Amino acid sequence: MSLMERLNQDLKQAMKDKDTVKLSVIRMVKAAVKNEEIQKGGPLSDDDVLTVLTRERKQRYDSLHEFEKAGREDLASKTREEIAVLTSYLPEQLSEAELRELVRETIAAVGATSKREMGKVMGALMPKVKGRADGSLVQKIVAETLNT
């Protein structure tokens, strides 16, 4: 079952269950996917939908940090619920140890030796971890590994 089919099924189920949080999150995701399809000029693949889901979750994380900093616990708790819904559609996240191992393998595969070659490493690594790790964490680990 494709991600869009799963989103459509879950949308119907959320309507039946009167799950307002899940319903609103799925509607937002579907709108973002539709906008992306219009920009691209055709239907999206599962990888493209995964990219949209990841972007939506990252936006929620950014909002969550701002709400917590401002002391708005009401908005922060709602945002945490939205993040949980979005995360349920993403593949299981890599642990930091798994990510570090993948970084080491990729650095060896591309033959990078200095921090100047970070772009080459990131280019080879990001497709492997798409949707399974936060880009900023990947970048931080690559930089640390290249410095040693």
C-alpha atoms as a PDB file:
ATOM      1  CA  MET A   1       0.000   0.000   0.000  1.00  0.00           C
ATOM      2  CA  SER A   2       1.401   3.397  -0.967  1.00  0.00           C
ATOM      3  CA  LEU A   3       1.751   6.193   1.551  1.00  0.00           C
ATOM      4  CA  MET A   4      -1.036   8.207  -0.098  1.00  0.00           C
ATOM      5  CA  GLU A   5      -3.409   5.221   0.067  1.00  0.00           C
ATOM      6  CA  ARG A   6      -2.559   4.814   3.752  1.00  0.00           C
ATOM      7  CA  LEU A   7      -3.144   8.534   4.372  1.00  0.00           C
ATOM      8  CA  ASN A   8      -6.523   8.339   2.628  1.00  0.00           C
ATOM      9  CA  GLN A   9      -7.556   5.278   4.649  1.00  0.00           C
ATOM     10  CA  ASP A  10      -6.446   6.859   7.906  1.00  0.00           C
ATOM     11  CA  LEU A  11      -8.288  10.072   6.992  1.00  0.00           C
ATOM     12  CA  LYS A  12     -11.537   8.127   6.664  1.00  0.00           C
ATOM     13  CA  GLN A  13     -10.871   6.290   9.918  1.00  0.00           C
ATOM     14  CA  ALA A  14     -10.073   9.525  11.750  1.00  0.00           C
ATOM     15  CA  MET A  15     -13.389  10.950  10.549  1.00  0.00           C
ATOM     16  CA  LYS A  16     -15.240   7.894  11.849  1.00  0.00           C
ATOM     17  CA  ASP A  17     -13.368   7.993  15.157  1.00  0.00           C
ATOM     18  CA  LYS A  18     -13.796  11.773  15.454  1.00  0.00           C
ATOM     19  CA  ASP A  19     -10.041  12.045  16.077  1.00  0.00           C
ATOM     20  CA  THR A  20      -9.665  15.776  15.434  1.00  0.00           C
ATOM     21  CA  VAL A  21      -5.872  15.950  15.846  1.00  0.00           C
ATOM     22  CA  LYS A  22      -5.159  13.107  13.435  1.00  0.00           C
ATOM     23  CA  LEU A  23      -7.776  14.417  11.024  1.00  0.00           C
ATOM     24  CA  SER A  24      -6.299  17.914  10.907  1.00  0.00           C
ATOM     25  CA  VAL A  25      -2.719  16.637  10.553  1.00  0.00           C
ATOM     26  CA  ILE A  26      -3.631  14.295   7.688  1.00  0.00           C
ATOM     27  CA  ARG A  27      -5.534  17.073   5.945  1.00  0.00           C
ATOM     28  CA  MET A  28      -2.507  19.384   6.279  1.00  0.00           C
ATOM     29  CA  VAL A  29      -0.221  16.688   4.895  1.00  0.00           C
ATOM     30  CA  LYS A  30      -2.561  16.001   1.992  1.00  0.00           C
ATOM     31  CA  ALA A  31      -2.681  19.726   1.198  1.00  0.00           C
ATOM     32  CA  ALA A  32       1.121  19.918   1.284  1.00  0.00           C
ATOM     33  CA  VAL A  33       1.337  16.855  -0.984  1.00  0.00           C
ATOM     34  CA  LYS A  34      -1.174  18.408  -3.389  1.00  0.00           C
ATOM     35  CA  ASN A  35       0.866  21.641  -3.496  1.00  0.00           C
ATOM     36  CA  GLU A  36       4.001  19.614  -4.212  1.00  0.00           C
ATOM     37  CA  GLU A  37       2.198  17.716  -7.000  1.00  0.00           C
ATOM     38  CA  ILE A  38       1.124  21.015  -8.570  1.00  0.00           C
ATOM     39  CA  GLN A  39       4.707  22.309  -8.390  1.00  0.00           C
ATOM     40  CA  LYS A  40       6.097  19.092  -9.824  1.00  0.00           C
ATOM     41  CA  GLY A  41       3.368  18.777 -12.429  1.00  0.00           C
ATOM     42  CA  GLY A  42       2.386  15.197 -11.665  1.00  0.00           C
ATOM     43  CA  PRO A  43       1.748  12.622  -8.966  1.00  0.00           C
ATOM     44  CA  LEU A  44       4.385  12.108  -6.284  1.00  0.00           C
ATOM     45  CA  SER A  45       6.242   8.902  -5.572  1.00  0.00           C
ATOM     46  CA  ASP A  46       6.360   7.447  -2.061  1.00  0.00           C
ATOM     47  CA  ASP A  47       9.844   8.982  -1.657  1.00  0.00           C
ATOM     48  CA  ASP A  48       8.452  12.417  -2.501  1.00  0.00           C
ATOM     49  CA  VAL A  49       5.575  11.966  -0.040  1.00  0.00           C
ATOM     50  CA  LEU A  50       8.139  10.896   2.566  1.00  0.00           C
ATOM     51  CA  THR A  51      10.038  14.131   1.919  1.00  0.00           C
ATOM     52  CA  VAL A  52       6.833  16.137   2.477  1.00  0.00           C
ATOM     53  CA  LEU A  53       6.108  14.247   5.723  1.00  0.00           C
ATOM     54  CA  THR A  54       9.663  14.841   6.951  1.00  0.00           C
ATOM     55  CA  ARG A  55       9.436  18.546   6.140  1.00  0.00           C
ATOM     56  CA  GLU A  56       6.092  18.858   7.940  1.00  0.00           C
ATOM     57  CA  ARG A  57       7.495  17.120  11.032  1.00  0.00           C
ATOM     58  CA  LYS A  58      10.571  19.369  11.027  1.00  0.00           C
ATOM     59  CA  GLN A  59       8.305  22.428  10.909  1.00  0.00           C
ATOM     60  CA  ARG A  60       6.409  21.101  13.933  1.00  0.00           C
ATOM     61  CA  TYR A  61       9.668  20.517  15.840  1.00  0.00           C
ATOM     62  CA  ASP A  62      10.747  24.083  15.106  1.00  0.00           C
ATOM     63  CA  SER A  63       7.367  25.367  16.312  1.00  0.00           C
ATOM     64  CA  LEU A  64       7.563  23.174  19.405  1.00  0.00           C
ATOM     65  CA  HIS A  65      10.886  24.719  20.436  1.00  0.00           C
ATOM     66  CA  GLU A  66       9.466  28.221  19.998  1.00  0.00           C
ATOM     67  CA  PHE A  67       6.309  27.388  21.989  1.00  0.00           C
ATOM     68  CA  GLU A  68       8.364  25.886  24.830  1.00  0.00           C
ATOM     69  CA  LYS A  69      10.663  28.911  24.861  1.00  0.00           C
ATOM     70  CA  ALA A  70       7.643  31.220  25.067  1.00  0.00           C
ATOM     71  CA  GLY A  71       6.039  29.147  27.838  1.00  0.00           C
ATOM     72  CA  ARG A  72       2.989  28.221  25.734  1.00  0.00           C
ATOM     73  CA  GLU A  73       2.408  24.694  27.045  1.00  0.00           C
ATOM     74  CA  ASP A  74      -1.083  24.548  25.477  1.00  0.00           C
ATOM     75  CA  LEU A  75       0.350  24.979  21.971  1.00  0.00           C
ATOM     76  CA  ALA A  76       3.362  22.804  22.756  1.00  0.00           C
ATOM     77  CA  SER A  77       1.209  19.831  23.783  1.00  0.00           C
ATOM     78  CA  LYS A  78      -0.908  20.139  20.614  1.00  0.00           C
ATOM     79  CA  THR A  79       2.265  20.263  18.525  1.00  0.00           C
ATOM     80  CA  ARG A  80       3.639  17.142  20.275  1.00  0.00           C
ATOM     81  CA  GLU A  81       0.452  15.285  19.309  1.00  0.00           C
ATOM     82  CA  GLU A  82       0.864  16.411  15.692  1.00  0.00           C
ATOM     83  CA  ILE A  83       4.497  15.245  15.690  1.00  0.00           C
ATOM     84  CA  ALA A  84       3.394  11.830  16.976  1.00  0.00           C
ATOM     85  CA  VAL A  85       0.888  11.500  14.120  1.00  0.00           C
ATOM     86  CA  LEU A  86       3.469  12.518  11.511  1.00  0.00           C
ATOM     87  CA  THR A  87       6.089  10.177  12.979  1.00  0.00           C
ATOM     88  CA  SER A  88       3.707   7.223  12.628  1.00  0.00           C
ATOM     89  CA  TYR A  89       3.969   7.581   8.830  1.00  0.00           C
ATOM     90  CA  LEU A  90       7.752   7.802   8.724  1.00  0.00           C
ATOM     91  CA  PRO A  91      10.108   4.815   8.755  1.00  0.00           C
ATOM     92  CA  GLU A  92      11.726   3.867  12.052  1.00  0.00           C
ATOM     93  CA  GLN A  93      14.423   6.357  13.011  1.00  0.00           C
ATOM     94  CA  LEU A  94      18.054   5.256  13.080  1.00  0.00           C
ATOM     95  CA  SER A  95      19.799   5.205  16.429  1.00  0.00           C
ATOM     96  CA  GLU A  96      22.861   7.407  16.831  1.00  0.00           C
ATOM     97  CA  ALA A  97      25.115   4.321  16.838  1.00  0.00           C
ATOM     98  CA  GLU A  98      23.583   3.024  13.580  1.00  0.00           C
ATOM     99  CA  LEU A  99      23.926   6.471  12.067  1.00  0.00           C
ATOM    100  CA  ARG A 100      27.587   6.765  13.097  1.00  0.00           C
ATOM    101  CA  GLU A 101      28.309   3.361  11.512  1.00  0.00           C
ATOM    102  CA  LEU A 102      26.568   4.401   8.287  1.00  0.00           C
ATOM    103  CA  VAL A 103      28.588   7.642   8.259  1.00  0.00           C
ATOM    104  CA  ARG A 104      31.860   5.717   8.665  1.00  0.00           C
ATOM    105  CA  GLU A 105      30.919   3.329   5.839  1.00  0.00           C
ATOM    106  CA  THR A 106      29.958   6.196   3.522  1.00  0.00           C
ATOM    107  CA  ILE A 107      33.157   8.133   4.264  1.00  0.00           C
ATOM    108  CA  ALA A 108      35.185   5.025   3.437  1.00  0.00           C
ATOM    109  CA  ALA A 109      33.152   4.415   0.262  1.00  0.00           C
ATOM    110  CA  VAL A 110      33.643   7.929  -1.133  1.00  0.00           C
ATOM    111  CA  GLY A 111      37.233   8.160   0.121  1.00  0.00           C
ATOM    112  CA  ALA A 112      36.772  11.434   1.994  1.00  0.00           C
ATOM    113  CA  THR A 113      39.663  12.479   4.192  1.00  0.00           C
ATOM    114  CA  SER A 114      38.973  16.077   5.201  1.00  0.00           C
ATOM    115  CA  LYS A 115      36.112  18.354   6.141  1.00  0.00           C
ATOM    116  CA  ARG A 116      36.345  19.970   2.683  1.00  0.00           C
ATOM    117  CA  GLU A 117      34.824  16.782   1.243  1.00  0.00           C
ATOM    118  CA  MET A 118      31.789  16.960   3.525  1.00  0.00           C
ATOM    119  CA  GLY A 119      29.485  17.789   0.599  1.00  0.00           C
ATOM    120  CA  LYS A 120      30.496  14.618  -1.213  1.00  0.00           C
ATOM    121  CA  VAL A 121      29.825  12.533   1.908  1.00  0.00           C
ATOM    122  CA  MET A 122      26.471  14.218   2.598  1.00  0.00           C
ATOM    123  CA  GLY A 123      25.420  13.738  -1.034  1.00  0.00           C
ATOM    124  CA  ALA A 124      26.085  10.017  -0.835  1.00  0.00           C
ATOM    125  CA  LEU A 125      24.676   9.603   2.676  1.00  0.00           C
ATOM    126  CA  MET A 126      21.386  11.530   2.624  1.00  0.00           C
ATOM    127  CA  PRO A 127      19.564   9.196   0.198  1.00  0.00           C
ATOM    128  CA  LYS A 128      20.441   6.267   2.510  1.00  0.00           C
ATOM    129  CA  VAL A 129      18.971   7.940   5.602  1.00  0.00           C
ATOM    130  CA  LYS A 130      16.042   9.766   3.958  1.00  0.00           C
ATOM    131  CA  GLY A 131      13.205  10.007   6.460  1.00  0.00           C
ATOM    132  CA  ARG A 132      15.110   7.927   8.999  1.00  0.00           C
ATOM    133  CA  ALA A 133      17.373  10.602  10.502  1.00  0.00           C
ATOM    134  CA  ASP A 134      17.348  14.348  11.014  1.00  0.00           C
ATOM    135  CA  GLY A 135      19.584  16.130   8.513  1.00  0.00           C
ATOM    136  CA  SER A 136      21.183  18.396  11.112  1.00  0.00           C
ATOM    137  CA  LEU A 137      22.155  15.382  13.243  1.00  0.00           C
ATOM    138  CA  VAL A 138      23.609  13.650  10.169  1.00  0.00           C
ATOM    139  CA  GLN A 139      25.600  16.783   9.326  1.00  0.00           C
ATOM    140  CA  LYS A 140      26.910  17.062  12.887  1.00  0.00           C
ATOM    141  CA  ILE A 141      28.047  13.412  12.956  1.00  0.00           C
ATOM    142  CA  VAL A 142      29.696  13.679   9.521  1.00  0.00           C
ATOM    143  CA  ALA A 143      31.581  16.803  10.639  1.00  0.00           C
ATOM    144  CA  GLU A 144      32.713  15.124  13.872  1.00  0.00           C
ATOM    145  CA  THR A 145      33.841  11.991  12.028  1.00  0.00           C
ATOM    146  CA  LEU A 146      35.751  13.938   9.377  1.00  0.00           C
ATOM    147  CA  ASN A 147      37.550  15.974  12.064  1.00  0.00           C
ATOM    148  CA  THR A 148      39.004  12.889  13.753  1.00  0.00           C
END
